[in-house]
Amino acid sequence: QVQLAESGGGSVQAGGALKISCLISKDTYSRACMSWFRQAPGKEREPVATINGDDSTIYADSVKGRFTISRDKIENTLYLQMHSLKPEDTAMYYCAAPCPPNYWGQGTQVTVSA
């Protein structure tokens, strides 16, 4: 069983920055394709960023240039660095593995106030 545990969410003002993390219990998955998703109240879960096995990355248009996905393969940790946050970035953020996902974390809340 693979476990994913997000952390680092919180409340920030618009224009601020936040870095969230996801600890993966199995190193084989930390080297595979992994993604961040988010779900805002009343909306469907949507992909935010993906890092492939070759470390190439894909971003949703809404976060391009503001968010960066990365990982530490030794620490089995996935990161999402978020800059220039907007109120519309407010959501529960989930990490998932592999691609498409079979395993999900419990989520970490990010709230951006205007």
Protein backbone atom coordinates (compact mmCIF):
# COMPACT_ATOMS: atom_id res chain seq x y z
CA GLN A 1 0.00 0.00 0.00
CA VAL A 2 1.36 3.40 -1.01
CA GLN A 3 0.71 6.33 1.30
CA LEU A 4 0.98 9.99 0.39
CA ALA A 5 0.91 12.72 3.01
CA GLU A 6 0.63 16.40 2.10
CA SER A 7 1.71 19.23 4.35
CA GLY A 8 2.48 22.93 4.26
CA GLY A 9 -0.89 24.39 3.38
CA GLY A 10 -2.13 27.54 5.03
CA SER A 11 -3.60 31.00 4.58
CA VAL A 12 -1.84 33.75 2.65
CA GLN A 13 -2.73 37.07 1.12
CA ALA A 14 -3.00 37.55 -2.61
CA GLY A 15 0.42 37.97 -4.15
CA GLY A 16 2.02 35.80 -1.51
CA ALA A 17 3.86 32.51 -1.78
CA LEU A 18 3.51 29.06 -0.27
CA LYS A 19 5.31 25.74 -0.67
CA ILE A 20 3.47 22.50 -0.07
CA SER A 21 5.00 19.05 0.25
CA CYS A 22 3.98 15.45 -0.22
CA LEU A 23 5.82 12.58 1.44
CA ILE A 24 5.54 9.27 -0.44
CA SER A 25 5.92 6.00 1.40
CA LYS A 26 7.53 4.08 -1.49
CA ASP A 27 10.59 5.35 -3.32
CA THR A 28 9.58 3.62 -6.55
CA TYR A 29 6.67 6.03 -6.80
CA SER A 30 8.74 9.07 -5.88
CA ARG A 31 10.69 8.47 -9.10
CA ALA A 32 7.62 7.89 -11.25
CA CYS A 33 5.13 10.29 -12.78
CA MET A 34 3.40 12.27 -10.00
CA SER A 35 0.94 15.11 -9.96
CA TRP A 36 -0.67 17.82 -7.89
CA PHE A 37 -4.42 18.30 -8.18
CA ARG A 38 -6.72 20.78 -6.49
CA GLN A 39 -10.40 21.02 -5.72
CA ALA A 40 -12.23 24.20 -4.82
CA PRO A 41 -15.62 24.14 -3.10
CA GLY A 42 -18.36 23.31 -5.58
CA LYS A 43 -15.90 22.52 -8.34
CA GLU A 44 -14.41 19.37 -9.80
CA ARG A 45 -10.91 18.24 -8.96
CA GLU A 46 -8.47 19.54 -11.57
CA PRO A 47 -4.83 18.81 -12.40
CA VAL A 48 -2.38 21.55 -11.48
CA ALA A 49 1.07 20.20 -12.30
CA THR A 50 2.72 16.93 -13.29
CA ILE A 51 6.31 15.78 -13.12
CA ASN A 52 7.14 12.83 -15.34
CA GLY A 53 9.63 10.04 -14.75
CA ASP A 54 12.23 11.94 -16.79
CA ASP A 55 11.52 15.04 -14.65
CA SER A 56 9.84 16.92 -17.46
CA THR A 57 6.92 18.99 -16.21
CA ILE A 58 3.44 19.98 -17.32
CA TYR A 59 1.35 22.81 -15.86
CA ALA A 60 -2.23 23.92 -16.08
CA ASP A 61 -2.52 27.17 -18.01
CA SER A 62 -3.92 28.88 -14.92
CA VAL A 63 -0.70 28.34 -12.94
CA LYS A 64 2.01 28.52 -15.60
CA GLY A 65 4.77 30.88 -14.62
CA ARG A 66 3.59 30.99 -10.99
CA PHE A 67 3.84 27.40 -9.74
CA THR A 68 6.79 25.01 -9.86
CA ILE A 69 6.60 21.25 -9.27
CA SER A 70 9.74 19.47 -8.12
CA ARG A 71 10.83 16.48 -6.10
CA ASP A 72 13.57 15.12 -3.91
CA LYS A 73 14.07 11.48 -4.88
CA ILE A 74 16.26 10.77 -1.85
CA GLU A 75 13.72 12.20 0.58
CA ASN A 76 10.77 10.72 -1.39
CA THR A 77 9.09 14.09 -1.35
CA LEU A 78 7.12 15.97 -3.98
CA TYR A 79 6.85 19.75 -3.80
CA LEU A 80 4.73 22.51 -5.24
CA GLN A 81 6.15 26.00 -4.93
CA MET A 82 3.44 28.60 -5.47
CA HIS A 83 4.10 32.29 -6.13
CA SER A 84 1.88 35.26 -6.94
CA LEU A 85 -1.06 33.47 -5.38
CA LYS A 86 -4.56 34.58 -6.30
CA PRO A 87 -7.87 34.11 -4.46
CA GLU A 88 -8.90 31.69 -7.21
CA ASP A 89 -6.03 29.41 -6.16
CA THR A 90 -7.93 28.70 -2.95
CA ALA A 91 -8.57 24.95 -2.85
CA MET A 92 -7.67 21.65 -1.25
CA TYR A 93 -4.46 20.48 -2.86
CA TYR A 94 -3.78 16.77 -3.36
CA CYS A 95 -0.74 14.86 -4.50
CA ALA A 96 -1.25 11.72 -6.53
CA ALA A 97 0.73 8.86 -8.05
CA PRO A 98 1.38 7.48 -10.58
CA CYS A 99 -0.08 8.84 -13.87
CA PRO A 100 -3.00 8.37 -14.09
CA PRO A 101 -3.31 8.26 -10.31
CA ASN A 102 -4.04 5.17 -8.26
CA TYR A 103 -3.06 6.73 -4.93
CA TRP A 104 -4.05 10.04 -3.36
CA GLY A 105 -3.08 11.96 -0.29
CA GLN A 106 -5.57 13.38 2.18
CA GLY A 107 -5.05 16.93 0.92
CA THR A 108 -3.78 20.18 2.35
CA GLN A 109 -5.84 23.37 2.35
CA VAL A 110 -4.54 26.52 0.66
CA THR A 111 -6.54 29.69 1.25
CA VAL A 112 -5.69 32.94 -0.51
CA SER A 113 -7.38 36.11 0.68
CA ALA A 114 -7.85 39.21 -1.44
